[in-house]
N, C-alpha and C. Protein backbone atom coordinates (compact mmCIF):
# COMPACT_ATOMS: atom_id res chain seq x y z
N UNK A 1 18.96 -10.67 -11.53
CA UNK A 1 18.80 -9.60 -10.57
C UNK A 1 17.61 -9.88 -9.67
N UNK A 2 17.80 -9.67 -8.38
CA UNK A 2 16.72 -9.88 -7.42
C UNK A 2 16.27 -8.54 -6.85
N UNK A 3 14.95 -8.39 -6.82
CA UNK A 3 14.33 -7.20 -6.26
C UNK A 3 13.49 -7.61 -5.06
N UNK A 4 13.55 -6.82 -3.99
CA UNK A 4 12.72 -7.06 -2.82
C UNK A 4 11.70 -5.94 -2.71
N UNK A 5 10.47 -6.34 -2.40
CA UNK A 5 9.38 -5.40 -2.12
C UNK A 5 8.95 -5.66 -0.69
N UNK A 6 8.92 -4.63 0.14
CA UNK A 6 8.48 -4.82 1.52
C UNK A 6 6.97 -5.02 1.54
N UNK A 7 6.52 -5.97 2.36
CA UNK A 7 5.12 -6.38 2.32
C UNK A 7 4.56 -6.61 3.73
N UNK A 8 3.24 -6.39 3.86
CA UNK A 8 2.57 -6.62 5.14
C UNK A 8 2.20 -8.10 5.33
N UNK A 9 2.23 -8.88 4.25
CA UNK A 9 1.86 -10.29 4.32
C UNK A 9 2.66 -11.12 3.36
N UNK A 10 2.27 -12.39 3.22
CA UNK A 10 3.06 -13.31 2.40
C UNK A 10 2.36 -13.78 1.13
N UNK A 11 1.52 -12.89 0.57
CA UNK A 11 0.87 -13.20 -0.71
C UNK A 11 0.97 -11.99 -1.64
N UNK A 12 0.70 -12.21 -2.91
CA UNK A 12 0.73 -11.12 -3.89
C UNK A 12 -0.36 -10.09 -3.63
N UNK A 13 -1.43 -10.49 -2.91
CA UNK A 13 -2.51 -9.58 -2.56
C UNK A 13 -2.22 -8.77 -1.30
N UNK A 14 -1.08 -9.01 -0.67
CA UNK A 14 -0.71 -8.26 0.53
C UNK A 14 -0.39 -6.82 0.17
N UNK A 15 -0.60 -5.94 1.12
CA UNK A 15 -0.28 -4.53 0.91
C UNK A 15 1.22 -4.28 0.99
N UNK A 16 1.65 -3.28 0.25
CA UNK A 16 3.01 -2.78 0.31
C UNK A 16 3.23 -2.22 1.71
N UNK A 17 4.38 -2.50 2.30
CA UNK A 17 4.72 -2.00 3.63
C UNK A 17 5.74 -0.87 3.48
N UNK A 18 5.42 0.27 4.04
CA UNK A 18 6.30 1.44 3.93
C UNK A 18 7.58 1.30 4.75
N UNK A 19 7.61 0.35 5.68
CA UNK A 19 8.76 0.22 6.58
C UNK A 19 9.70 -0.88 6.07
N UNK A 20 10.97 -0.57 5.98
CA UNK A 20 11.93 -1.57 5.55
C UNK A 20 12.27 -2.54 6.69
N UNK A 21 12.91 -2.06 7.71
CA UNK A 21 13.35 -2.92 8.80
C UNK A 21 12.23 -3.54 9.60
N UNK A 22 11.08 -2.90 9.60
CA UNK A 22 9.92 -3.38 10.37
C UNK A 22 8.86 -4.05 9.51
N UNK A 23 9.12 -4.22 8.23
CA UNK A 23 8.16 -4.90 7.35
C UNK A 23 7.96 -6.33 7.83
N UNK A 24 6.75 -6.82 7.71
CA UNK A 24 6.45 -8.19 8.15
C UNK A 24 7.10 -9.23 7.24
N UNK A 25 7.10 -8.94 5.93
CA UNK A 25 7.65 -9.88 4.94
C UNK A 25 8.43 -9.14 3.87
N UNK A 26 9.28 -9.89 3.21
CA UNK A 26 10.00 -9.41 2.05
C UNK A 26 9.59 -10.28 0.87
N UNK A 27 9.07 -9.64 -0.18
CA UNK A 27 8.76 -10.36 -1.41
C UNK A 27 10.02 -10.29 -2.28
N UNK A 28 10.60 -11.44 -2.56
CA UNK A 28 11.82 -11.51 -3.36
C UNK A 28 11.43 -11.95 -4.77
N UNK A 29 11.71 -11.08 -5.73
CA UNK A 29 11.39 -11.36 -7.13
C UNK A 29 12.68 -11.49 -7.92
N UNK A 30 12.89 -12.66 -8.51
CA UNK A 30 14.06 -12.91 -9.34
C UNK A 30 13.68 -12.58 -10.78
N UNK A 31 14.25 -11.53 -11.31
CA UNK A 31 13.87 -11.06 -12.64
C UNK A 31 14.29 -12.01 -13.76
N UNK A 32 15.31 -12.82 -13.52
CA UNK A 32 15.77 -13.76 -14.55
C UNK A 32 14.86 -14.98 -14.65
N UNK A 33 14.48 -15.54 -13.50
CA UNK A 33 13.67 -16.75 -13.50
C UNK A 33 12.18 -16.46 -13.31
N UNK A 34 11.85 -15.20 -12.92
CA UNK A 34 10.50 -14.76 -12.59
C UNK A 34 9.93 -15.49 -11.37
N UNK A 35 10.81 -16.06 -10.56
CA UNK A 35 10.39 -16.73 -9.33
C UNK A 35 10.09 -15.68 -8.26
N UNK A 36 9.00 -15.92 -7.52
CA UNK A 36 8.60 -15.04 -6.44
C UNK A 36 8.59 -15.84 -5.15
N UNK A 37 9.21 -15.28 -4.12
CA UNK A 37 9.29 -15.96 -2.83
C UNK A 37 9.05 -14.93 -1.73
N UNK A 38 8.31 -15.32 -0.71
CA UNK A 38 8.09 -14.44 0.44
C UNK A 38 8.90 -14.96 1.62
N UNK A 39 9.63 -14.05 2.24
CA UNK A 39 10.47 -14.40 3.38
C UNK A 39 10.00 -13.57 4.57
N UNK A 40 9.73 -14.24 5.67
CA UNK A 40 9.31 -13.54 6.88
C UNK A 40 10.48 -12.74 7.45
N UNK A 41 10.21 -11.53 7.87
CA UNK A 41 11.22 -10.70 8.52
C UNK A 41 11.20 -11.03 10.01
N UNK A 42 12.07 -11.92 10.42
CA UNK A 42 12.07 -12.38 11.81
C UNK A 42 12.55 -11.31 12.80
N UNK A 43 13.07 -10.21 12.28
CA UNK A 43 13.57 -9.14 13.15
C UNK A 43 12.63 -7.94 13.21
N UNK A 44 11.43 -8.06 12.64
CA UNK A 44 10.53 -6.91 12.55
C UNK A 44 10.12 -6.36 13.91
N UNK A 45 10.11 -7.18 14.93
CA UNK A 45 9.69 -6.74 16.27
C UNK A 45 10.85 -6.60 17.25
N UNK A 46 12.07 -6.68 16.76
CA UNK A 46 13.23 -6.52 17.64
C UNK A 46 13.23 -5.12 18.26
N UNK A 47 13.80 -5.02 19.45
CA UNK A 47 13.88 -3.72 20.14
C UNK A 47 14.68 -2.70 19.35
N UNK A 48 15.77 -3.15 18.74
CA UNK A 48 16.61 -2.24 17.97
C UNK A 48 17.38 -2.99 16.91
N UNK A 49 17.87 -2.27 15.93
CA UNK A 49 18.70 -2.87 14.89
C UNK A 49 17.96 -3.63 13.82
N UNK A 50 16.62 -3.46 13.74
CA UNK A 50 15.85 -4.20 12.74
C UNK A 50 16.29 -3.85 11.32
N UNK A 51 16.58 -2.59 11.07
CA UNK A 51 17.00 -2.17 9.74
C UNK A 51 18.34 -2.77 9.34
N UNK A 52 19.28 -2.79 10.27
CA UNK A 52 20.60 -3.36 10.00
C UNK A 52 20.50 -4.86 9.75
N UNK A 53 19.68 -5.54 10.56
CA UNK A 53 19.52 -6.99 10.39
C UNK A 53 18.81 -7.31 9.07
N UNK A 54 17.83 -6.48 8.71
CA UNK A 54 17.15 -6.67 7.42
C UNK A 54 18.13 -6.43 6.27
N UNK A 55 19.00 -5.44 6.43
CA UNK A 55 20.01 -5.16 5.40
C UNK A 55 20.95 -6.34 5.22
N UNK A 56 21.37 -6.93 6.33
CA UNK A 56 22.25 -8.10 6.27
C UNK A 56 21.57 -9.25 5.53
N UNK A 57 20.27 -9.41 5.74
CA UNK A 57 19.51 -10.45 5.05
C UNK A 57 19.48 -10.18 3.55
N UNK A 58 19.32 -8.93 3.16
CA UNK A 58 19.29 -8.57 1.74
C UNK A 58 20.63 -8.90 1.08
N UNK A 59 21.72 -8.62 1.77
CA UNK A 59 23.06 -8.91 1.26
C UNK A 59 23.23 -10.42 1.11
N UNK A 60 22.77 -11.15 2.12
CA UNK A 60 22.86 -12.63 2.10
C UNK A 60 22.07 -13.21 0.91
N UNK A 61 20.93 -12.60 0.60
CA UNK A 61 20.08 -13.08 -0.50
C UNK A 61 20.58 -12.67 -1.88
N UNK A 62 21.54 -11.75 -1.93
CA UNK A 62 22.06 -11.29 -3.21
C UNK A 62 21.13 -10.33 -3.92
N UNK A 63 20.39 -9.55 -3.16
CA UNK A 63 19.44 -8.59 -3.70
C UNK A 63 20.18 -7.43 -4.37
N UNK A 64 19.64 -6.95 -5.50
CA UNK A 64 20.25 -5.81 -6.19
C UNK A 64 19.41 -4.54 -6.09
N UNK A 65 18.12 -4.71 -5.70
CA UNK A 65 17.22 -3.55 -5.64
C UNK A 65 16.17 -3.81 -4.56
N UNK A 66 15.83 -2.75 -3.80
CA UNK A 66 14.80 -2.85 -2.76
C UNK A 66 13.80 -1.72 -2.95
N UNK A 67 12.51 -2.08 -2.93
CA UNK A 67 11.44 -1.09 -3.02
C UNK A 67 10.76 -1.04 -1.65
N UNK A 68 10.82 0.12 -1.01
CA UNK A 68 10.22 0.31 0.30
C UNK A 68 9.86 1.78 0.48
N UNK A 69 9.25 2.09 1.61
CA UNK A 69 8.86 3.47 1.85
C UNK A 69 9.87 4.28 2.62
N UNK A 70 10.70 3.59 3.40
CA UNK A 70 11.66 4.30 4.24
C UNK A 70 12.80 3.37 4.63
N UNK A 71 13.99 3.94 4.71
CA UNK A 71 15.17 3.21 5.15
C UNK A 71 15.84 4.04 6.22
N UNK A 72 16.17 3.42 7.34
CA UNK A 72 16.90 4.14 8.36
C UNK A 72 18.32 4.43 7.91
N UNK A 73 19.00 5.36 8.59
CA UNK A 73 20.35 5.75 8.17
C UNK A 73 21.37 4.61 8.20
N UNK A 74 21.29 3.74 9.19
CA UNK A 74 22.25 2.63 9.27
C UNK A 74 21.99 1.62 8.14
N UNK A 75 20.71 1.36 7.89
CA UNK A 75 20.36 0.44 6.80
C UNK A 75 20.81 1.01 5.46
N UNK A 76 20.56 2.29 5.25
CA UNK A 76 20.95 2.93 3.99
C UNK A 76 22.47 2.86 3.78
N UNK A 77 23.21 3.11 4.83
CA UNK A 77 24.67 3.10 4.73
C UNK A 77 25.18 1.71 4.35
N UNK A 78 24.64 0.69 5.02
CA UNK A 78 25.08 -0.69 4.75
C UNK A 78 24.68 -1.12 3.34
N UNK A 79 23.46 -0.83 2.93
CA UNK A 79 22.99 -1.22 1.60
C UNK A 79 23.78 -0.48 0.52
N UNK A 80 24.13 0.77 0.79
CA UNK A 80 24.91 1.55 -0.16
C UNK A 80 26.31 0.96 -0.36
N UNK A 81 26.89 0.45 0.71
CA UNK A 81 28.22 -0.17 0.62
C UNK A 81 28.22 -1.35 -0.34
N UNK A 82 27.07 -2.04 -0.42
CA UNK A 82 26.97 -3.22 -1.29
C UNK A 82 26.29 -2.88 -2.62
N UNK A 83 26.18 -1.58 -2.90
CA UNK A 83 25.65 -1.10 -4.19
C UNK A 83 24.23 -1.62 -4.47
N UNK A 84 23.43 -1.74 -3.43
CA UNK A 84 22.04 -2.15 -3.59
C UNK A 84 21.21 -0.90 -3.83
N UNK A 85 20.46 -0.91 -4.91
CA UNK A 85 19.65 0.25 -5.31
C UNK A 85 18.40 0.34 -4.44
N UNK A 86 18.14 1.54 -3.90
CA UNK A 86 16.98 1.76 -3.03
C UNK A 86 15.95 2.62 -3.77
N UNK A 87 14.74 2.11 -3.84
CA UNK A 87 13.66 2.84 -4.50
C UNK A 87 12.59 3.15 -3.45
N UNK A 88 12.30 4.43 -3.29
CA UNK A 88 11.31 4.86 -2.31
C UNK A 88 9.94 4.99 -2.97
N UNK A 89 8.94 4.43 -2.32
CA UNK A 89 7.54 4.55 -2.75
C UNK A 89 6.74 4.97 -1.53
N UNK A 90 5.74 5.80 -1.74
CA UNK A 90 4.96 6.28 -0.60
C UNK A 90 3.49 5.85 -0.65
N UNK A 91 3.11 5.06 -1.63
CA UNK A 91 1.71 4.67 -1.80
C UNK A 91 1.43 3.33 -1.12
N UNK A 92 1.03 3.40 0.15
CA UNK A 92 0.79 2.17 0.90
C UNK A 92 -0.50 1.46 0.51
N UNK A 93 -1.29 2.06 -0.39
CA UNK A 93 -2.51 1.40 -0.85
C UNK A 93 -2.21 0.36 -1.94
N UNK A 94 -0.98 0.37 -2.46
CA UNK A 94 -0.59 -0.59 -3.50
C UNK A 94 -0.45 -2.00 -2.92
N UNK A 95 -0.80 -2.96 -3.72
CA UNK A 95 -0.57 -4.37 -3.39
C UNK A 95 0.79 -4.76 -3.97
N UNK A 96 1.36 -5.82 -3.45
CA UNK A 96 2.63 -6.32 -3.98
C UNK A 96 2.48 -6.63 -5.47
N UNK A 97 1.36 -7.21 -5.85
CA UNK A 97 1.13 -7.54 -7.27
C UNK A 97 1.12 -6.29 -8.15
N UNK A 98 0.58 -5.16 -7.63
CA UNK A 98 0.57 -3.91 -8.39
C UNK A 98 2.00 -3.46 -8.71
N UNK A 99 2.86 -3.55 -7.71
CA UNK A 99 4.25 -3.11 -7.87
C UNK A 99 4.99 -4.02 -8.84
N UNK A 100 4.76 -5.33 -8.72
CA UNK A 100 5.39 -6.28 -9.65
C UNK A 100 4.94 -5.99 -11.08
N UNK A 101 3.67 -5.70 -11.26
CA UNK A 101 3.16 -5.40 -12.61
C UNK A 101 3.79 -4.13 -13.17
N UNK A 102 4.01 -3.12 -12.33
CA UNK A 102 4.69 -1.89 -12.76
C UNK A 102 6.12 -2.17 -13.19
N UNK A 103 6.78 -3.08 -12.47
CA UNK A 103 8.16 -3.43 -12.79
C UNK A 103 8.29 -4.13 -14.13
N UNK A 104 7.29 -4.91 -14.47
CA UNK A 104 7.34 -5.73 -15.68
C UNK A 104 7.00 -4.94 -16.95
N UNK A 105 6.53 -3.72 -16.80
CA UNK A 105 6.14 -2.91 -17.97
C UNK A 105 7.34 -2.39 -18.68
C-alpha cells in the first residue's frame, strides 16, 4: 500500500502542506517496502486543474491513501472513483517525518 503526504519540500524535515493540488511535493511512502520517495508536483502553479492533474498522478502511482489538508471537489470525485482513501489533517506545523511516525505507531 502506498500513502502520499502533501509536502512543502522534498525532505522528511519539510512541513506538511495543507493543499493537495497545489502542494509543492508529494511524499510517497510504500508501507510494504518502507521506501520513501519525494515527487515534485509539476502542476502546482498551473492556472487551473491542478487538483485533477495531481489526482491523475496519484492513480498512476497506485496510491491507496492520501494525507492532505484539503481536496477540491473534482479531485475528490476522481480519487473516490478509484477508491483512494482521503485523510484530512489541519496541523500545518507538522513535519512529514512527524506524520510518518504517527502512521507507523
